[in-house]
Amino acid sequence: MTTVIKRKPSMFLKELREYYSDVWKLPKSEYLKNPDFLVVDQKTGKKARVSFVVLDDGETVSVVYDEMS
């Protein structure tokens, strides 16, 4: 189930980059078909889909997101 976060997407992605070394903009990624987060800016309506790429052992290796629309 996708979690909706009501924040400015650019700030959310900037904070993710502080904690994760691999943050990739991959709009057509298979991981974004069922994203972990949908970040929505309440003022502008812009949104971004964000997913964590996790290995079989549960270790998070990277984060992917699409363009803000």
N, C-alpha and C. Protein backbone atom coordinates (compact mmCIF):
# COMPACT_ATOMS: atom_id res chain seq x y z
N MET A 1 0.84 -1.18 0.00
CA MET A 1 0.00 0.00 0.00
C MET A 1 0.89 1.24 0.00
N THR A 2 0.56 2.18 -0.86
CA THR A 2 1.32 3.42 -0.99
C THR A 2 0.96 4.40 0.11
N THR A 3 1.96 4.99 0.72
CA THR A 3 1.76 6.00 1.75
C THR A 3 1.83 7.38 1.10
N VAL A 4 0.86 8.24 1.40
CA VAL A 4 0.85 9.60 0.87
C VAL A 4 1.45 10.54 1.90
N ILE A 5 2.43 11.31 1.47
CA ILE A 5 3.09 12.28 2.34
C ILE A 5 2.81 13.66 1.76
N LYS A 6 2.26 14.53 2.57
CA LYS A 6 1.93 15.88 2.10
C LYS A 6 3.06 16.82 2.49
N ARG A 7 4.02 16.94 1.57
CA ARG A 7 5.20 17.79 1.74
C ARG A 7 5.65 18.27 0.39
N LYS A 8 6.57 19.15 0.37
CA LYS A 8 7.16 19.61 -0.88
C LYS A 8 8.09 18.51 -1.39
N PRO A 9 7.80 17.93 -2.58
CA PRO A 9 8.60 16.79 -3.07
C PRO A 9 10.09 17.08 -3.18
N SER A 10 10.48 18.27 -3.62
CA SER A 10 11.91 18.56 -3.77
C SER A 10 12.64 18.52 -2.43
N MET A 11 12.01 19.00 -1.38
CA MET A 11 12.62 18.95 -0.04
C MET A 11 12.70 17.51 0.48
N PHE A 12 11.65 16.74 0.22
CA PHE A 12 11.64 15.34 0.64
C PHE A 12 12.78 14.57 -0.03
N LEU A 13 12.97 14.78 -1.33
CA LEU A 13 14.03 14.09 -2.05
C LEU A 13 15.41 14.57 -1.61
N LYS A 14 15.53 15.84 -1.28
CA LYS A 14 16.80 16.36 -0.78
C LYS A 14 17.17 15.68 0.54
N GLU A 15 16.19 15.51 1.42
CA GLU A 15 16.44 14.85 2.70
C GLU A 15 16.78 13.37 2.51
N LEU A 16 16.16 12.72 1.53
CA LEU A 16 16.51 11.32 1.24
C LEU A 16 17.97 11.19 0.82
N ARG A 17 18.44 12.15 0.03
CA ARG A 17 19.84 12.12 -0.44
C ARG A 17 20.82 12.25 0.73
N GLU A 18 20.41 12.87 1.82
CA GLU A 18 21.28 12.99 2.99
C GLU A 18 21.49 11.65 3.68
N TYR A 19 20.50 10.77 3.60
CA TYR A 19 20.55 9.49 4.30
C TYR A 19 20.92 8.31 3.42
N TYR A 20 20.64 8.39 2.11
CA TYR A 20 20.92 7.30 1.19
C TYR A 20 21.87 7.80 0.12
N SER A 21 22.90 7.01 -0.18
CA SER A 21 23.89 7.44 -1.15
C SER A 21 23.42 7.24 -2.59
N ASP A 22 22.53 6.30 -2.82
CA ASP A 22 22.03 6.04 -4.17
C ASP A 22 20.58 6.46 -4.29
N VAL A 23 20.34 7.64 -4.84
CA VAL A 23 18.99 8.14 -5.11
C VAL A 23 18.94 8.44 -6.60
N TRP A 24 18.06 7.74 -7.32
CA TRP A 24 18.04 7.82 -8.77
C TRP A 24 16.70 8.28 -9.30
N LYS A 25 16.75 9.12 -10.31
CA LYS A 25 15.55 9.55 -11.02
C LYS A 25 15.36 8.59 -12.19
N LEU A 26 14.43 7.66 -12.04
CA LEU A 26 14.16 6.64 -13.07
C LEU A 26 12.66 6.58 -13.31
N PRO A 27 12.11 7.47 -14.14
CA PRO A 27 10.67 7.57 -14.31
C PRO A 27 9.98 6.30 -14.82
N LYS A 28 10.67 5.47 -15.58
CA LYS A 28 10.04 4.28 -16.14
C LYS A 28 10.43 3.00 -15.41
N SER A 29 10.90 3.13 -14.18
CA SER A 29 11.34 1.98 -13.40
C SER A 29 10.17 1.08 -13.01
N GLU A 30 10.42 -0.21 -13.02
CA GLU A 30 9.42 -1.19 -12.59
C GLU A 30 9.08 -1.00 -11.11
N TYR A 31 10.02 -0.48 -10.33
CA TYR A 31 9.79 -0.28 -8.90
C TYR A 31 8.73 0.79 -8.63
N LEU A 32 8.47 1.66 -9.60
CA LEU A 32 7.51 2.74 -9.40
C LEU A 32 6.09 2.38 -9.79
N LYS A 33 5.89 1.16 -10.27
CA LYS A 33 4.52 0.74 -10.60
C LYS A 33 3.67 0.62 -9.34
N ASN A 34 4.29 0.26 -8.24
CA ASN A 34 3.62 0.21 -6.94
C ASN A 34 4.54 0.90 -5.93
N PRO A 35 4.56 2.25 -5.92
CA PRO A 35 5.55 2.99 -5.11
C PRO A 35 5.30 2.85 -3.61
N ASP A 36 6.37 3.06 -2.85
CA ASP A 36 6.27 3.06 -1.39
C ASP A 36 5.65 4.36 -0.88
N PHE A 37 5.98 5.47 -1.55
CA PHE A 37 5.49 6.79 -1.14
C PHE A 37 4.98 7.57 -2.34
N LEU A 38 3.97 8.36 -2.12
CA LEU A 38 3.52 9.37 -3.07
C LEU A 38 3.62 10.68 -2.32
N VAL A 39 4.53 11.54 -2.74
CA VAL A 39 4.79 12.81 -2.06
C VAL A 39 4.04 13.90 -2.81
N VAL A 40 3.14 14.60 -2.12
CA VAL A 40 2.28 15.59 -2.75
C VAL A 40 2.47 16.95 -2.08
N ASP A 41 2.74 17.97 -2.90
CA ASP A 41 2.83 19.34 -2.41
C ASP A 41 1.41 19.90 -2.38
N GLN A 42 0.93 20.27 -1.22
CA GLN A 42 -0.45 20.75 -1.07
C GLN A 42 -0.70 22.07 -1.79
N LYS A 43 0.31 22.92 -1.89
CA LYS A 43 0.13 24.24 -2.52
C LYS A 43 0.08 24.16 -4.04
N THR A 44 1.01 23.41 -4.63
CA THR A 44 1.11 23.39 -6.10
C THR A 44 0.47 22.16 -6.73
N GLY A 45 0.25 21.12 -5.95
CA GLY A 45 -0.31 19.89 -6.50
C GLY A 45 0.74 19.00 -7.15
N LYS A 46 2.01 19.40 -7.14
CA LYS A 46 3.07 18.58 -7.71
C LYS A 46 3.23 17.32 -6.86
N LYS A 47 3.56 16.23 -7.54
CA LYS A 47 3.74 14.99 -6.80
C LYS A 47 4.87 14.17 -7.40
N ALA A 48 5.42 13.29 -6.59
CA ALA A 48 6.50 12.40 -7.02
C ALA A 48 6.27 11.04 -6.39
N ARG A 49 6.53 9.98 -7.18
CA ARG A 49 6.46 8.61 -6.66
C ARG A 49 7.86 8.21 -6.23
N VAL A 50 7.96 7.57 -5.07
CA VAL A 50 9.24 7.18 -4.50
C VAL A 50 9.17 5.72 -4.06
N SER A 51 10.19 4.95 -4.42
CA SER A 51 10.27 3.54 -4.00
C SER A 51 11.67 3.23 -3.51
N PHE A 52 11.74 2.35 -2.52
CA PHE A 52 13.01 1.84 -2.02
C PHE A 52 13.31 0.53 -2.72
N VAL A 53 14.56 0.36 -3.16
CA VAL A 53 15.00 -0.90 -3.76
C VAL A 53 15.66 -1.69 -2.65
N VAL A 54 15.10 -2.87 -2.37
CA VAL A 54 15.53 -3.67 -1.24
C VAL A 54 16.00 -5.04 -1.73
N LEU A 55 17.13 -5.51 -1.20
CA LEU A 55 17.64 -6.84 -1.52
C LEU A 55 16.83 -7.90 -0.79
N ASP A 56 17.05 -9.16 -1.15
CA ASP A 56 16.33 -10.27 -0.52
C ASP A 56 16.56 -10.35 0.98
N ASP A 57 17.72 -9.90 1.45
CA ASP A 57 18.01 -9.96 2.89
C ASP A 57 17.46 -8.75 3.65
N GLY A 58 16.74 -7.87 2.95
CA GLY A 58 16.11 -6.73 3.60
C GLY A 58 16.94 -5.46 3.62
N GLU A 59 18.13 -5.49 3.05
CA GLU A 59 18.98 -4.31 3.04
C GLU A 59 18.56 -3.35 1.92
N THR A 60 18.34 -2.09 2.27
CA THR A 60 17.99 -1.08 1.28
C THR A 60 19.26 -0.65 0.54
N VAL A 61 19.22 -0.75 -0.78
CA VAL A 61 20.41 -0.42 -1.55
C VAL A 61 20.29 0.90 -2.32
N SER A 62 19.08 1.29 -2.66
CA SER A 62 18.91 2.57 -3.33
C SER A 62 17.46 3.03 -3.29
N VAL A 63 17.25 4.25 -3.75
CA VAL A 63 15.93 4.85 -3.80
C VAL A 63 15.72 5.32 -5.23
N VAL A 64 14.53 5.05 -5.79
CA VAL A 64 14.20 5.55 -7.14
C VAL A 64 12.98 6.44 -7.05
N TYR A 65 12.92 7.44 -7.93
CA TYR A 65 11.75 8.33 -7.96
C TYR A 65 11.50 8.75 -9.40
N ASP A 66 10.30 9.28 -9.65
CA ASP A 66 10.00 9.77 -10.98
C ASP A 66 10.00 11.29 -10.97
N GLU A 67 9.71 11.86 -12.12
CA GLU A 67 9.68 13.32 -12.22
C GLU A 67 8.50 13.88 -11.44
N MET A 68 8.69 15.05 -10.92
CA MET A 68 7.59 15.72 -10.24
C MET A 68 6.63 16.26 -11.26
N SER A 69 5.37 15.92 -11.12
CA SER A 69 4.38 16.37 -12.09
C SER A 69 3.29 17.15 -11.41
